[in-house]
């Protein structure tokens, strides 16, 4: 599986820059309450730093199928796709 969990904000931002056609799951660290699937180019993926910390992590992949499989295995359900106003994520 080509899944990348960046350890910190610089690694995450570098991954976004290197993989503009990739995908990102934003989720709670160790939790299953909040999960959202974004495209790497989504406006919200760079909007509210810090991006990785005690509360949230990012799971990244260039494969949508593999990222969706990761969500099922680790969160127990599919990750809903971002539809935030002005995000330009899936449109």
Protein backbone atom coordinates (compact mmCIF):
# COMPACT_ATOMS: atom_id res chain seq x y z
CA UNK A 1 0.00 0.00 0.00
CA UNK A 2 1.34 3.43 -0.87
CA UNK A 3 0.04 5.18 2.25
CA UNK A 4 2.02 7.99 3.85
CA UNK A 5 1.35 9.36 7.33
CA UNK A 6 3.43 12.52 7.60
CA UNK A 7 5.09 12.96 10.98
CA UNK A 8 4.87 16.75 11.00
CA UNK A 9 3.68 19.82 9.10
CA UNK A 10 6.81 20.28 6.92
CA UNK A 11 6.60 16.65 5.72
CA UNK A 12 2.87 17.02 5.07
CA UNK A 13 3.27 20.24 3.08
CA UNK A 14 6.13 18.72 1.08
CA UNK A 15 3.92 15.72 0.25
CA UNK A 16 1.10 18.02 -0.94
CA UNK A 17 3.53 19.93 -3.16
CA UNK A 18 4.97 16.72 -4.64
CA UNK A 19 1.56 15.03 -5.15
CA UNK A 20 -1.01 17.54 -6.45
CA UNK A 21 -3.09 14.66 -7.85
CA UNK A 22 -3.11 12.84 -4.51
CA UNK A 23 -5.67 12.45 -1.74
CA UNK A 24 -5.69 13.13 1.99
CA UNK A 25 -7.74 11.81 4.88
CA UNK A 26 -7.99 14.25 7.77
CA UNK A 27 -8.90 12.43 10.97
CA UNK A 28 -8.59 12.51 14.72
CA UNK A 29 -5.53 10.94 16.25
CA UNK A 30 -6.61 7.60 17.69
CA UNK A 31 -10.27 8.34 17.22
CA UNK A 32 -13.05 7.45 14.86
CA UNK A 33 -15.40 10.38 15.29
CA UNK A 34 -14.13 12.81 12.67
CA UNK A 35 -12.86 11.72 9.26
CA UNK A 36 -12.92 13.54 5.91
CA UNK A 37 -11.47 12.69 2.50
CA UNK A 38 -9.96 15.52 0.44
CA UNK A 39 -8.06 15.98 -2.77
CA UNK A 40 -4.53 17.25 -2.19
CA UNK A 41 -5.51 20.47 -3.97
CA UNK A 42 -8.46 21.18 -1.64
CA UNK A 43 -8.27 24.73 -0.29
CA UNK A 44 -8.87 23.41 3.23
CA UNK A 45 -5.75 21.21 3.23
CA UNK A 46 -3.50 24.24 3.79
CA UNK A 47 -5.93 26.52 5.54
CA UNK A 48 -5.71 25.92 9.29
CA UNK A 49 -2.24 25.14 10.65
CA UNK A 50 -1.01 23.29 12.51
CA UNK A 51 -2.07 20.41 10.30
CA UNK A 52 -0.66 17.56 12.37
CA UNK A 53 -0.56 17.54 16.13
CA UNK A 54 -2.01 16.05 19.27
CA UNK A 55 -5.56 16.09 17.90
CA UNK A 56 -5.37 15.47 14.14
CA UNK A 57 -3.36 13.45 11.66
CA UNK A 58 -3.25 13.27 7.88
CA UNK A 59 -3.15 10.06 5.87
CA UNK A 60 -1.97 10.59 2.29
CA UNK A 61 -1.88 8.53 -0.89
CA UNK A 62 -1.77 8.93 -4.64
CA UNK A 63 -4.26 6.07 -4.86
CA UNK A 64 -7.88 6.86 -4.01
CA UNK A 65 -8.67 3.14 -3.80
CA UNK A 66 -5.89 2.49 -1.30
CA UNK A 67 -6.87 5.47 0.83
CA UNK A 68 -10.50 4.35 0.89
CA UNK A 69 -9.34 0.86 1.90
CA UNK A 70 -7.21 2.40 4.66
CA UNK A 71 -10.30 4.18 6.04
CA UNK A 72 -12.30 0.95 6.11
CA UNK A 73 -9.50 -0.94 7.86
CA UNK A 74 -8.50 1.72 10.39
CA UNK A 75 -11.64 3.73 10.99
CA UNK A 76 -14.24 1.07 10.22
CA UNK A 77 -16.18 3.09 7.66
CA UNK A 78 -15.81 5.01 4.45
CA UNK A 79 -14.50 8.54 4.73
CA UNK A 80 -17.01 11.11 3.47
CA UNK A 81 -15.75 13.43 0.74
CA UNK A 82 -15.20 17.09 1.51
CA UNK A 83 -17.99 19.32 0.27
CA UNK A 84 -17.11 22.46 2.20
CA UNK A 85 -18.20 25.68 0.50
CA UNK A 86 -15.38 27.18 -1.54
CA UNK A 87 -13.14 24.16 -1.07
CA UNK A 88 -13.03 23.28 -4.77
CA UNK A 89 -12.31 19.75 -3.58
CA UNK A 90 -14.44 17.37 -5.66
CA UNK A 91 -15.92 19.77 -8.19
